[in-house]
Amino acid sequence: MTGYLKPIPVVDAVTKPFWDGCRKHELLIQKCRDCGRFQFYPRILCVNCMSQNLEWVKSAGKGVIHTFSVITQNVTPGFAKEVPYVFAIVELSEGVRLITNIIDCSPAEVYIGMSVSVVFETISPDINLPKFRPAPENK
């Protein structure tokens, strides 16, 4: 996609499996093979037990809005044309939280505890961003 003005994520050795999954429209998170805990954002060690025995697993891609803010002013190129937009922390059903945007609904309809599901926005041939929209039961 040409003309994308927002910052593009930097892919490194630790985050590459996550971005590869997003490119395939799969939301991957890490799971520790030793203690069984899920974690997000990607790291080289388990934050619970410090094990390096991590695996990538496909998330169900469903969660709830933990908190959010409606952005009504942003003059930064790439963001200015999108106001108002919802900046949110979503808690996935696996228990991890990630920062994202809520799309496909009016900001006035968004609420804490709202069920959401993942969708992907293609911003380059290599990067799809995970965003969330209201789950079907909310519509």
Protein backbone atom coordinates (compact mmCIF):
# COMPACT_ATOMS: atom_id res chain seq x y z
CA MET A 1 0.00 0.00 0.00
CA THR A 2 1.47 3.35 -0.97
CA GLY A 3 1.08 6.60 0.89
CA TYR A 4 0.93 5.12 4.40
CA LEU A 5 2.00 8.00 6.66
CA LYS A 6 1.96 6.44 10.12
CA PRO A 7 5.00 4.78 11.70
CA ILE A 8 5.56 1.23 10.46
CA PRO A 9 6.56 -1.42 13.02
CA VAL A 10 10.16 -2.57 12.98
CA VAL A 11 10.41 -6.33 12.59
CA ASP A 12 13.27 -8.01 14.44
CA ALA A 13 14.22 -11.59 15.30
CA VAL A 14 11.98 -11.64 18.39
CA THR A 15 8.87 -10.12 16.76
CA LYS A 16 9.14 -11.72 13.29
CA PRO A 17 6.87 -14.72 14.10
CA PHE A 18 4.19 -12.29 15.35
CA TRP A 19 4.31 -10.20 12.16
CA ASP A 20 4.47 -13.32 9.96
CA GLY A 21 1.25 -14.48 11.65
CA CYS A 22 -0.42 -11.12 11.14
CA ARG A 23 0.47 -11.26 7.46
CA LYS A 24 -1.52 -14.54 7.34
CA HIS A 25 -4.36 -12.95 9.37
CA GLU A 26 -3.46 -14.99 12.44
CA LEU A 27 -2.94 -13.35 15.82
CA LEU A 28 -0.05 -15.20 17.44
CA ILE A 29 1.00 -14.90 21.06
CA GLN A 30 3.72 -16.59 23.04
CA LYS A 31 3.10 -19.43 25.47
CA CYS A 32 5.66 -20.82 27.88
CA ARG A 33 6.06 -24.58 27.55
CA ASP A 34 7.30 -24.79 31.13
CA CYS A 35 4.74 -22.83 33.17
CA GLY A 36 1.90 -22.61 30.62
CA ARG A 37 1.49 -18.81 30.81
CA PHE A 38 0.69 -16.70 27.77
CA GLN A 39 2.47 -13.42 27.17
CA PHE A 40 2.34 -10.43 24.88
CA TYR A 41 4.38 -8.46 23.69
CA PRO A 42 6.99 -10.85 22.25
CA ARG A 43 10.06 -11.47 24.39
CA ILE A 44 12.96 -13.92 24.54
CA LEU A 45 12.08 -15.11 28.06
CA CYS A 46 8.89 -16.01 29.89
CA VAL A 47 8.01 -13.09 32.17
CA ASN A 48 6.58 -15.51 34.73
CA CYS A 49 9.32 -18.14 35.13
CA MET A 50 12.20 -16.76 33.01
CA SER A 51 12.23 -19.86 30.78
CA GLN A 52 13.40 -19.59 27.18
CA ASN A 53 11.11 -22.49 26.27
CA LEU A 54 8.51 -20.39 24.46
CA GLU A 55 6.23 -21.32 21.59
CA TRP A 56 3.97 -19.28 19.33
CA VAL A 57 0.28 -20.20 19.47
CA LYS A 58 -2.69 -18.89 17.56
CA SER A 59 -4.94 -16.71 19.69
CA ALA A 60 -8.69 -17.04 19.37
CA GLY A 61 -8.58 -13.35 18.40
CA LYS A 62 -11.39 -12.51 20.81
CA GLY A 63 -11.35 -10.32 23.86
CA VAL A 64 -12.84 -7.41 25.73
CA ILE A 65 -11.92 -3.77 25.94
CA HIS A 66 -9.96 -3.27 29.16
CA THR A 67 -9.69 0.51 28.76
CA PHE A 68 -9.79 3.05 25.94
CA SER A 69 -9.54 6.67 24.97
CA VAL A 70 -11.22 8.51 22.14
CA ILE A 71 -8.65 10.61 20.33
CA THR A 72 -10.26 13.79 19.03
CA GLN A 73 -7.15 15.84 18.22
CA ASN A 74 -4.03 14.66 16.45
CA VAL A 75 -2.23 16.78 13.88
CA THR A 76 0.43 14.15 13.16
CA PRO A 77 0.46 13.16 9.47
CA GLY A 78 -1.42 9.91 8.97
CA PHE A 79 -3.49 10.34 12.12
CA ALA A 80 -5.08 13.77 11.54
CA LYS A 81 -7.56 12.52 8.94
CA GLU A 82 -8.79 9.70 11.19
CA VAL A 83 -9.98 11.65 14.22
CA PRO A 84 -11.95 10.76 16.15
CA TYR A 85 -10.54 7.27 16.65
CA VAL A 86 -10.38 4.82 19.53
CA PHE A 87 -7.05 3.89 21.12
CA ALA A 88 -7.61 0.86 23.36
CA ILE A 89 -6.12 -1.88 25.45
CA VAL A 90 -7.83 -5.18 24.66
CA GLU A 91 -7.61 -8.16 26.99
CA LEU A 92 -7.61 -11.32 24.91
CA SER A 93 -9.44 -14.45 26.04
CA GLU A 94 -5.99 -15.93 26.74
CA GLY A 95 -5.46 -13.24 29.39
CA VAL A 96 -2.85 -11.03 27.71
CA ARG A 97 -3.43 -7.39 26.83
CA LEU A 98 -2.43 -5.50 23.73
CA ILE A 99 -2.64 -1.93 22.51
CA THR A 100 -4.75 -1.46 19.40
CA ASN A 101 -7.50 0.52 17.72
CA ILE A 102 -11.22 -0.22 17.76
CA ILE A 103 -12.71 0.14 14.29
CA ASP A 104 -16.00 -0.35 12.45
CA CYS A 105 -18.10 1.43 15.05
CA SER A 106 -18.71 4.93 16.33
CA PRO A 107 -16.40 5.95 19.18
CA ALA A 108 -19.57 6.78 21.15
CA GLU A 109 -20.56 3.08 21.05
CA VAL A 110 -17.32 1.81 22.62
CA TYR A 111 -17.36 0.80 26.30
CA ILE A 112 -15.16 -1.00 28.81
CA GLY A 113 -16.00 -4.70 28.77
CA MET A 114 -17.20 -4.62 25.14
CA SER A 115 -16.56 -7.91 23.33
CA VAL A 116 -14.30 -7.48 20.31
CA SER A 117 -12.65 -9.64 17.67
CA VAL A 118 -9.49 -9.15 15.65
CA VAL A 119 -9.28 -7.90 12.07
CA PHE A 120 -6.17 -6.99 10.12
CA GLU A 121 -5.27 -3.81 8.25
CA THR A 122 -2.71 -4.19 5.47
CA ILE A 123 -0.27 -1.29 5.58
CA SER A 124 2.56 -2.73 3.45
CA PRO A 125 3.31 -5.98 1.62
CA ASP A 126 4.98 -7.26 4.80
CA ILE A 127 2.90 -5.75 7.61
CA ASN A 128 -0.71 -6.27 8.63
CA LEU A 129 -1.75 -4.51 11.83
CA PRO A 130 -4.12 -6.25 14.24
CA LYS A 131 -7.09 -4.06 15.07
CA PHE A 132 -10.36 -4.95 16.73
CA ARG A 133 -14.03 -4.44 15.96
CA PRO A 134 -17.16 -5.14 17.98
CA ALA A 135 -17.87 -8.86 18.14
CA PRO A 136 -21.01 -10.00 16.29
CA GLU A 137 -22.99 -10.28 19.56
CA ASN A 138 -22.57 -6.49 20.01
CA LYS A 139 -24.17 -5.58 16.71
